[in-house]
Amino acid sequence: MMIYPKIYLENVTKITIEFLRKNGLKAIILDIDNTIIDFDKVLLNGVKEWCNNLKKQNIKFYILSNTNKKEKVEKVAKELEIPYTMFAKKPFKKGFQKAKENLELENSEIAVAGDQIFTDVIGANRSGMYAILTKPIDKRDILMTRIKRPLENYLIRRYLKRNGGKL
């Protein structure tokens, strides 16, 4: 189903090189808000080391964010040394297509990691990419996301029930 991820993880640092290789994945498109930075724009603990370690294993990265706050995206992209697209209008395919072209890979070789079903997961699934849903790293959200969270939490509970309660 379009609304379900392939896998649900605690956070992006749980994505290992073994997991990526097993699934034929060569790149990760990352969301930023509540996926790799919290509400206060603080980078998730360990994400820089995780990213650098995977880069050493020839994994490519790209940031795809719906935010229109250029300073915020640029700061994260510069710190992690990752190209980016902001104001991507996820779940529409255009931003995912731009990331794919930048990564120079097939859709099936690209994972998308993010904390929201209605943007990251649906966009990844519509684009034929590997959808990875992560728990939000902060309980605080912008208003629009707060409105969607109860429905997303319901869908996550259904997903977990279908998968034996496994994260």
N, C-alpha and C. Protein backbone atom coordinates (compact mmCIF):
# COMPACT_ATOMS: atom_id res chain seq x y z
N MET A 1 0.83 -1.20 0.00
CA MET A 1 0.00 0.00 0.00
C MET A 1 0.86 1.25 0.00
N MET A 2 0.39 2.26 -0.65
CA MET A 2 1.12 3.53 -0.75
C MET A 2 1.42 4.19 0.60
N ILE A 3 0.57 3.94 1.61
CA ILE A 3 0.73 4.64 2.87
C ILE A 3 1.69 3.95 3.84
N TYR A 4 2.11 2.74 3.51
CA TYR A 4 2.99 2.01 4.43
C TYR A 4 4.44 2.01 3.96
N PRO A 5 5.36 2.15 4.90
CA PRO A 5 6.78 2.08 4.55
C PRO A 5 7.20 0.61 4.36
N LYS A 6 8.36 0.44 3.79
CA LYS A 6 8.95 -0.91 3.71
C LYS A 6 9.45 -1.32 5.09
N ILE A 7 9.91 -0.32 5.86
CA ILE A 7 10.45 -0.57 7.20
C ILE A 7 10.23 0.67 8.06
N TYR A 8 10.09 0.43 9.36
CA TYR A 8 9.90 1.52 10.33
C TYR A 8 11.02 1.40 11.35
N LEU A 9 11.81 2.46 11.50
CA LEU A 9 12.99 2.43 12.36
C LEU A 9 12.95 3.52 13.43
N GLU A 10 13.72 3.31 14.47
CA GLU A 10 13.83 4.28 15.57
C GLU A 10 14.33 5.63 15.04
N ASN A 11 15.39 5.61 14.24
CA ASN A 11 15.93 6.82 13.60
C ASN A 11 16.84 6.41 12.45
N VAL A 12 17.33 7.38 11.71
CA VAL A 12 18.12 7.07 10.51
C VAL A 12 19.43 6.35 10.81
N THR A 13 19.98 6.56 12.00
CA THR A 13 21.27 5.91 12.31
C THR A 13 21.13 4.40 12.42
N LYS A 14 19.90 3.88 12.42
CA LYS A 14 19.66 2.43 12.45
C LYS A 14 19.76 1.83 11.05
N ILE A 15 19.90 2.66 10.03
CA ILE A 15 20.09 2.17 8.66
C ILE A 15 21.56 1.79 8.52
N THR A 16 21.82 0.52 8.34
CA THR A 16 23.20 0.02 8.27
C THR A 16 23.61 -0.27 6.83
N ILE A 17 24.90 -0.37 6.62
CA ILE A 17 25.42 -0.72 5.29
C ILE A 17 24.94 -2.11 4.89
N GLU A 18 24.84 -3.01 5.87
CA GLU A 18 24.37 -4.37 5.57
C GLU A 18 22.92 -4.33 5.06
N PHE A 19 22.10 -3.54 5.73
CA PHE A 19 20.70 -3.39 5.32
C PHE A 19 20.62 -2.82 3.90
N LEU A 20 21.40 -1.79 3.64
CA LEU A 20 21.37 -1.15 2.32
C LEU A 20 21.82 -2.13 1.24
N ARG A 21 22.90 -2.83 1.47
CA ARG A 21 23.40 -3.79 0.48
C ARG A 21 22.40 -4.93 0.25
N LYS A 22 21.83 -5.44 1.33
CA LYS A 22 20.85 -6.53 1.23
C LYS A 22 19.67 -6.13 0.35
N ASN A 23 19.29 -4.86 0.38
CA ASN A 23 18.15 -4.37 -0.38
C ASN A 23 18.53 -3.67 -1.69
N GLY A 24 19.81 -3.76 -2.07
CA GLY A 24 20.26 -3.18 -3.33
C GLY A 24 20.19 -1.67 -3.37
N LEU A 25 20.33 -1.03 -2.21
CA LEU A 25 20.21 0.43 -2.11
C LEU A 25 21.59 1.09 -2.12
N LYS A 26 21.73 2.13 -2.93
CA LYS A 26 23.01 2.81 -3.09
C LYS A 26 22.97 4.27 -2.67
N ALA A 27 21.79 4.74 -2.27
CA ALA A 27 21.65 6.15 -1.88
C ALA A 27 20.48 6.29 -0.91
N ILE A 28 20.54 7.38 -0.13
CA ILE A 28 19.47 7.71 0.80
C ILE A 28 19.09 9.17 0.61
N ILE A 29 17.81 9.39 0.35
CA ILE A 29 17.26 10.74 0.35
C ILE A 29 16.75 10.98 1.76
N LEU A 30 17.23 12.04 2.38
CA LEU A 30 16.86 12.36 3.76
C LEU A 30 15.94 13.56 3.85
N ASP A 31 14.92 13.42 4.67
CA ASP A 31 14.12 14.56 5.11
C ASP A 31 14.96 15.22 6.22
N ILE A 32 14.71 16.46 6.56
CA ILE A 32 15.47 17.03 7.67
C ILE A 32 14.64 17.25 8.93
N ASP A 33 13.52 17.96 8.82
CA ASP A 33 12.74 18.31 10.01
C ASP A 33 12.21 17.07 10.72
N ASN A 34 12.65 16.90 11.96
CA ASN A 34 12.23 15.81 12.83
C ASN A 34 12.70 14.44 12.35
N THR A 35 13.60 14.45 11.35
CA THR A 35 14.25 13.21 10.89
C THR A 35 15.73 13.27 11.24
N ILE A 36 16.39 14.39 10.89
CA ILE A 36 17.81 14.53 11.27
C ILE A 36 18.08 15.78 12.11
N ILE A 37 17.10 16.70 12.17
CA ILE A 37 17.21 17.81 13.12
C ILE A 37 15.91 17.90 13.93
N ASP A 38 16.04 18.37 15.17
CA ASP A 38 14.86 18.51 16.01
C ASP A 38 14.21 19.89 15.81
N PHE A 39 13.21 20.18 16.58
CA PHE A 39 12.45 21.43 16.47
C PHE A 39 13.35 22.65 16.66
N ASP A 40 14.40 22.50 17.48
CA ASP A 40 15.34 23.60 17.73
C ASP A 40 16.49 23.63 16.72
N LYS A 41 16.38 22.81 15.68
CA LYS A 41 17.37 22.74 14.59
C LYS A 41 18.70 22.14 15.03
N VAL A 42 18.66 21.26 16.04
CA VAL A 42 19.86 20.57 16.52
C VAL A 42 19.93 19.22 15.81
N LEU A 43 21.10 18.94 15.26
CA LEU A 43 21.33 17.70 14.53
C LEU A 43 21.21 16.49 15.45
N LEU A 44 20.55 15.45 14.97
CA LEU A 44 20.41 14.19 15.70
C LEU A 44 21.79 13.68 16.12
N ASN A 45 21.91 13.29 17.37
CA ASN A 45 23.17 12.79 17.89
C ASN A 45 23.64 11.58 17.07
N GLY A 46 24.87 11.65 16.58
CA GLY A 46 25.47 10.55 15.84
C GLY A 46 25.20 10.55 14.35
N VAL A 47 24.36 11.46 13.86
CA VAL A 47 23.99 11.42 12.44
C VAL A 47 25.16 11.80 11.53
N LYS A 48 26.01 12.71 11.97
CA LYS A 48 27.15 13.11 11.13
C LYS A 48 28.11 11.94 10.95
N GLU A 49 28.41 11.23 12.03
CA GLU A 49 29.32 10.07 11.96
C GLU A 49 28.69 8.96 11.11
N TRP A 50 27.38 8.73 11.32
CA TRP A 50 26.66 7.72 10.54
C TRP A 50 26.74 8.03 9.04
N CYS A 51 26.47 9.27 8.71
CA CYS A 51 26.51 9.71 7.31
C CYS A 51 27.91 9.54 6.72
N ASN A 52 28.92 10.00 7.44
CA ASN A 52 30.30 9.89 6.95
C ASN A 52 30.72 8.43 6.78
N ASN A 53 30.32 7.56 7.71
CA ASN A 53 30.65 6.14 7.59
C ASN A 53 30.01 5.51 6.37
N LEU A 54 28.76 5.85 6.09
CA LEU A 54 28.11 5.29 4.91
C LEU A 54 28.70 5.87 3.62
N LYS A 55 29.09 7.13 3.64
CA LYS A 55 29.74 7.72 2.47
C LYS A 55 31.03 6.97 2.14
N LYS A 56 31.77 6.56 3.17
CA LYS A 56 33.01 5.79 2.96
C LYS A 56 32.72 4.44 2.31
N GLN A 57 31.47 3.97 2.44
CA GLN A 57 31.04 2.70 1.84
C GLN A 57 30.35 2.96 0.48
N ASN A 58 30.56 4.16 -0.08
CA ASN A 58 30.03 4.57 -1.38
C ASN A 58 28.51 4.75 -1.42
N ILE A 59 27.92 5.05 -0.28
CA ILE A 59 26.50 5.39 -0.25
C ILE A 59 26.37 6.89 -0.50
N LYS A 60 25.48 7.25 -1.41
CA LYS A 60 25.25 8.66 -1.74
C LYS A 60 24.08 9.19 -0.90
N PHE A 61 24.07 10.49 -0.70
CA PHE A 61 23.02 11.14 0.07
C PHE A 61 22.47 12.35 -0.67
N TYR A 62 21.22 12.67 -0.35
CA TYR A 62 20.57 13.86 -0.88
C TYR A 62 19.52 14.30 0.14
N ILE A 63 19.41 15.59 0.38
CA ILE A 63 18.38 16.12 1.28
C ILE A 63 17.22 16.63 0.45
N LEU A 64 16.01 16.19 0.81
CA LEU A 64 14.80 16.63 0.14
C LEU A 64 13.84 17.11 1.23
N SER A 65 13.63 18.41 1.28
CA SER A 65 12.84 19.00 2.36
C SER A 65 11.70 19.86 1.82
N ASN A 66 10.60 19.83 2.52
CA ASN A 66 9.47 20.70 2.16
C ASN A 66 9.61 22.12 2.72
N THR A 67 10.58 22.33 3.57
CA THR A 67 10.74 23.66 4.16
C THR A 67 11.11 24.70 3.11
N ASN A 68 10.73 25.93 3.39
CA ASN A 68 11.14 27.05 2.53
C ASN A 68 12.19 27.91 3.24
N LYS A 69 12.74 27.39 4.33
CA LYS A 69 13.74 28.12 5.12
C LYS A 69 15.15 27.74 4.65
N LYS A 70 15.65 28.51 3.69
CA LYS A 70 16.91 28.21 3.03
C LYS A 70 18.07 28.11 4.02
N GLU A 71 18.14 29.03 4.96
CA GLU A 71 19.25 29.04 5.92
C GLU A 71 19.32 27.72 6.70
N LYS A 72 18.16 27.21 7.10
CA LYS A 72 18.11 25.96 7.87
C LYS A 72 18.61 24.78 7.03
N VAL A 73 18.11 24.65 5.81
CA VAL A 73 18.51 23.54 4.95
C VAL A 73 19.98 23.64 4.58
N GLU A 74 20.42 24.83 4.22
CA GLU A 74 21.83 25.02 3.84
C GLU A 74 22.77 24.66 4.98
N LYS A 75 22.41 25.03 6.20
CA LYS A 75 23.26 24.73 7.35
C LYS A 75 23.44 23.22 7.52
N VAL A 76 22.35 22.48 7.45
CA VAL A 76 22.42 21.02 7.60
C VAL A 76 23.17 20.41 6.42
N ALA A 77 22.85 20.85 5.22
CA ALA A 77 23.49 20.31 4.01
C ALA A 77 25.00 20.56 4.03
N LYS A 78 25.39 21.74 4.47
CA LYS A 78 26.81 22.07 4.54
C LYS A 78 27.51 21.23 5.61
N GLU A 79 26.88 21.09 6.77
CA GLU A 79 27.49 20.31 7.85
C GLU A 79 27.67 18.85 7.46
N LEU A 80 26.71 18.29 6.72
CA LEU A 80 26.79 16.89 6.32
C LEU A 80 27.41 16.71 4.93
N GLU A 81 27.67 17.83 4.25
CA GLU A 81 28.23 17.81 2.90
C GLU A 81 27.35 16.98 1.96
N ILE A 82 26.09 17.39 1.88
CA ILE A 82 25.08 16.71 1.08
C ILE A 82 24.35 17.74 0.21
N PRO A 83 24.14 17.43 -1.08
CA PRO A 83 23.32 18.33 -1.91
C PRO A 83 21.87 18.30 -1.43
N TYR A 84 21.11 19.32 -1.81
CA TYR A 84 19.74 19.40 -1.31
C TYR A 84 18.79 20.07 -2.29
N THR A 85 17.52 19.82 -2.04
CA THR A 85 16.42 20.56 -2.66
C THR A 85 15.49 20.95 -1.53
N MET A 86 15.11 22.21 -1.48
CA MET A 86 14.15 22.67 -0.48
C MET A 86 12.83 22.98 -1.18
N PHE A 87 11.80 23.18 -0.39
CA PHE A 87 10.46 23.44 -0.91
C PHE A 87 10.10 22.41 -1.99
N ALA A 88 10.31 21.13 -1.63
CA ALA A 88 10.18 20.02 -2.57
C ALA A 88 8.74 19.62 -2.89
N LYS A 89 7.79 20.07 -2.08
CA LYS A 89 6.38 19.77 -2.29
C LYS A 89 6.09 18.26 -2.26
N LYS A 90 6.77 17.57 -1.32
CA LYS A 90 6.48 16.14 -1.15
C LYS A 90 5.03 15.99 -0.70
N PRO A 91 4.29 15.04 -1.16
CA PRO A 91 4.67 13.79 -1.82
C PRO A 91 4.68 13.84 -3.35
N PHE A 92 4.60 15.02 -3.97
CA PHE A 92 4.66 15.07 -5.42
C PHE A 92 6.01 14.55 -5.91
N LYS A 93 6.02 13.98 -7.10
CA LYS A 93 7.19 13.27 -7.61
C LYS A 93 8.35 14.17 -8.05
N LYS A 94 8.08 15.42 -8.36
CA LYS A 94 9.09 16.29 -8.96
C LYS A 94 10.38 16.38 -8.13
N GLY A 95 10.27 16.58 -6.83
CA GLY A 95 11.45 16.66 -5.98
C GLY A 95 12.22 15.36 -5.92
N PHE A 96 11.49 14.24 -5.88
CA PHE A 96 12.14 12.93 -5.87
C PHE A 96 12.87 12.68 -7.18
N GLN A 97 12.27 13.12 -8.29
CA GLN A 97 12.90 12.98 -9.61
C GLN A 97 14.18 13.82 -9.68
N LYS A 98 14.14 15.02 -9.13
CA LYS A 98 15.34 15.88 -9.14
C LYS A 98 16.46 15.22 -8.33
N ALA A 99 16.10 14.65 -7.17
CA ALA A 99 17.10 13.96 -6.35
C ALA A 99 17.67 12.77 -7.10
N LYS A 100 16.82 12.00 -7.76
CA LYS A 100 17.25 10.83 -8.54
C LYS A 100 18.26 11.24 -9.62
N GLU A 101 17.93 12.31 -10.33
CA GLU A 101 18.83 12.79 -11.38
C GLU A 101 20.17 13.21 -10.81
N ASN A 102 20.15 13.86 -9.66
CA ASN A 102 21.39 14.29 -9.01
C ASN A 102 22.21 13.08 -8.56
N LEU A 103 21.53 12.05 -8.06
CA LEU A 103 22.21 10.85 -7.55
C LEU A 103 22.69 9.94 -8.68
N GLU A 104 22.10 10.10 -9.86
CA GLU A 104 22.45 9.30 -11.04
C GLU A 104 22.29 7.80 -10.78
N LEU A 105 21.13 7.45 -10.20
CA LEU A 105 20.81 6.06 -9.90
C LEU A 105 19.38 5.77 -10.35
N GLU A 106 19.04 4.49 -10.36
CA GLU A 106 17.67 4.09 -10.64
C GLU A 106 16.82 4.28 -9.38
N ASN A 107 15.53 4.48 -9.54
CA ASN A 107 14.64 4.67 -8.40
C ASN A 107 14.74 3.51 -7.41
N SER A 108 14.85 2.29 -7.92
CA SER A 108 14.90 1.10 -7.07
C SER A 108 16.18 1.02 -6.23
N GLU A 109 17.17 1.85 -6.54
CA GLU A 109 18.43 1.86 -5.79
C GLU A 109 18.47 2.95 -4.73
N ILE A 110 17.35 3.66 -4.56
CA ILE A 110 17.31 4.81 -3.67
C ILE A 110 16.32 4.58 -2.53
N ALA A 111 16.79 4.80 -1.30
CA ALA A 111 15.92 4.78 -0.12
C ALA A 111 15.54 6.22 0.21
N VAL A 112 14.35 6.38 0.78
CA VAL A 112 13.89 7.69 1.26
C VAL A 112 13.60 7.52 2.75
N ALA A 113 14.28 8.30 3.59
CA ALA A 113 14.09 8.21 5.04
C ALA A 113 13.47 9.51 5.55
N GLY A 114 12.33 9.36 6.24
CA GLY A 114 11.67 10.52 6.79
C GLY A 114 10.69 10.13 7.88
N ASP A 115 10.20 11.12 8.60
CA ASP A 115 9.34 10.87 9.76
C ASP A 115 7.85 10.99 9.47
N GLN A 116 7.47 11.28 8.22
CA GLN A 116 6.05 11.50 7.93
C GLN A 116 5.53 10.57 6.82
N ILE A 117 4.40 9.99 7.06
CA ILE A 117 3.76 9.11 6.07
C ILE A 117 3.27 9.92 4.87
N PHE A 118 2.59 11.05 5.14
CA PHE A 118 1.90 11.77 4.07
C PHE A 118 2.84 12.57 3.16
N THR A 119 4.09 12.67 3.50
CA THR A 119 5.05 13.35 2.63
C THR A 119 6.14 12.38 2.18
N ASP A 120 6.90 11.86 3.13
CA ASP A 120 8.07 11.03 2.81
C ASP A 120 7.69 9.65 2.28
N VAL A 121 6.85 8.92 3.01
CA VAL A 121 6.51 7.55 2.64
C VAL A 121 5.70 7.51 1.35
N ILE A 122 4.64 8.29 1.28
CA ILE A 122 3.82 8.28 0.06
C ILE A 122 4.64 8.76 -1.14
N GLY A 123 5.44 9.79 -0.96
CA GLY A 123 6.29 10.27 -2.07
C GLY A 123 7.28 9.22 -2.53
N ALA A 124 7.91 8.53 -1.59
CA ALA A 124 8.86 7.46 -1.95
C ALA A 124 8.14 6.34 -2.70
N ASN A 125 7.01 5.91 -2.17
CA ASN A 125 6.26 4.82 -2.81
C ASN A 125 5.77 5.22 -4.20
N ARG A 126 5.28 6.43 -4.34
CA ARG A 126 4.81 6.90 -5.66
C ARG A 126 5.95 6.96 -6.67
N SER A 127 7.16 7.19 -6.16
CA SER A 127 8.34 7.32 -7.02
C SER A 127 9.06 5.99 -7.24
N GLY A 128 8.57 4.92 -6.65
CA GLY A 128 9.22 3.62 -6.81
C GLY A 128 10.52 3.50 -6.04
N MET A 129 10.61 4.26 -4.94
CA MET A 129 11.81 4.22 -4.09
C MET A 129 11.49 3.46 -2.80
N TYR A 130 12.51 3.10 -2.06
CA TYR A 130 12.38 2.30 -0.84
C TYR A 130 12.03 3.22 0.33
N ALA A 131 10.81 3.10 0.83
CA ALA A 131 10.31 4.01 1.88
C ALA A 131 10.71 3.53 3.27
N ILE A 132 11.45 4.38 3.98
CA ILE A 132 11.85 4.12 5.37
C ILE A 132 11.21 5.20 6.24
N LEU A 133 10.34 4.76 7.14
CA LEU A 133 9.72 5.69 8.09
C LEU A 133 10.51 5.64 9.38
N THR A 134 10.82 6.81 9.93
CA THR A 134 11.50 6.88 11.22
C THR A 134 10.59 7.56 12.23
N LYS A 135 10.83 7.24 13.49
CA LYS A 135 10.11 7.95 14.54
C LYS A 135 10.55 9.42 14.51
N PRO A 136 9.65 10.35 14.79
CA PRO A 136 10.08 11.75 14.90
C PRO A 136 11.08 11.87 16.06
N ILE A 137 12.12 12.67 15.88
CA ILE A 137 13.13 12.78 16.94
C ILE A 137 12.73 13.77 18.03
N ASP A 138 11.67 14.52 17.80
CA ASP A 138 11.18 15.50 18.77
C ASP A 138 9.66 15.40 18.82
N LYS A 139 9.09 15.60 19.99
CA LYS A 139 7.63 15.57 20.11
C LYS A 139 6.99 16.84 19.54
N ARG A 140 7.78 17.91 19.46
CA ARG A 140 7.27 19.17 18.93
C ARG A 140 7.30 19.16 17.41
N ASP A 141 6.29 19.77 16.80
CA ASP A 141 6.16 19.84 15.35
C ASP A 141 5.59 21.19 14.95
N ILE A 142 5.75 21.53 13.69
CA ILE A 142 5.06 22.71 13.17
C ILE A 142 3.56 22.39 13.13
N LEU A 143 2.72 23.41 13.06
CA LEU A 143 1.28 23.25 13.15
C LEU A 143 0.72 22.24 12.15
N MET A 144 1.09 22.35 10.89
CA MET A 144 0.53 21.46 9.86
C MET A 144 0.85 19.99 10.17
N THR A 145 2.04 19.73 10.64
CA THR A 145 2.43 18.36 10.97
C THR A 145 1.69 17.88 12.21
N ARG A 146 1.53 18.75 13.20
CA ARG A 146 0.77 18.38 14.41
C ARG A 146 -0.65 17.96 14.07
N ILE A 147 -1.23 18.59 13.09
CA ILE A 147 -2.59 18.24 12.66
C ILE A 147 -2.63 16.83 12.07
N LYS A 148 -1.59 16.46 11.33
CA LYS A 148 -1.56 15.15 10.66
C LYS A 148 -1.10 14.01 11.56
N ARG A 149 -0.38 14.31 12.64
CA ARG A 149 0.22 13.25 13.47
C ARG A 149 -0.77 12.22 14.02
N PRO A 150 -1.95 12.63 14.52
CA PRO A 150 -2.86 11.61 15.05
C PRO A 150 -3.23 10.54 14.00
N LEU A 151 -3.50 10.96 12.77
CA LEU A 151 -3.82 10.00 11.72
C LEU A 151 -2.59 9.16 11.38
N GLU A 152 -1.43 9.78 11.31
CA GLU A 152 -0.21 9.03 11.05
C GLU A 152 0.05 8.01 12.16
N ASN A 153 -0.17 8.41 13.41
CA ASN A 153 0.04 7.48 14.53
C ASN A 153 -0.92 6.29 14.45
N TYR A 154 -2.15 6.53 14.03
CA TYR A 154 -3.11 5.44 13.81
C TYR A 154 -2.59 4.49 12.73
N LEU A 155 -2.11 5.04 11.63
CA LEU A 155 -1.59 4.21 10.54
C LEU A 155 -0.35 3.43 10.97
N ILE A 156 0.49 4.03 11.80
CA ILE A 156 1.67 3.34 12.31
C ILE A 156 1.26 2.17 13.21
N ARG A 157 0.26 2.39 14.06
CA ARG A 157 -0.23 1.29 14.90
C ARG A 157 -0.74 0.15 14.04
N ARG A 158 -1.46 0.46 12.97
CA ARG A 158 -1.94 -0.57 12.03
C ARG A 158 -0.76 -1.29 11.36
N TYR A 159 0.22 -0.51 10.96
CA TYR A 159 1.42 -1.09 10.33
C TYR A 159 2.11 -2.06 11.29
N LEU A 160 2.29 -1.63 12.54
CA LEU A 160 2.96 -2.47 13.54
C LEU A 160 2.15 -3.73 13.82
N LYS A 161 0.84 -3.61 13.85
CA LYS A 161 -0.01 -4.78 14.08
C LYS A 161 0.14 -5.78 12.93
N ARG A 162 0.20 -5.29 11.73
CA ARG A 162 0.37 -6.15 10.54
C ARG A 162 1.75 -6.82 10.53
N ASN A 163 2.70 -6.19 11.18
CA ASN A 163 4.07 -6.70 11.16
C ASN A 163 4.49 -7.29 12.50
N GLY A 164 3.54 -7.73 13.28
CA GLY A 164 3.85 -8.38 14.55
C GLY A 164 4.42 -7.47 15.60
N GLY A 165 4.12 -6.18 15.53
CA GLY A 165 4.58 -5.23 16.53
C GLY A 165 6.05 -4.86 16.40
N LYS A 166 6.68 -5.26 15.30
CA LYS A 166 8.11 -4.98 15.12
C LYS A 166 8.35 -3.60 14.55
N LEU A 167 9.35 -2.98 15.10
CA LEU A 167 9.82 -1.70 14.53
C LEU A 167 10.66 -1.98 13.33
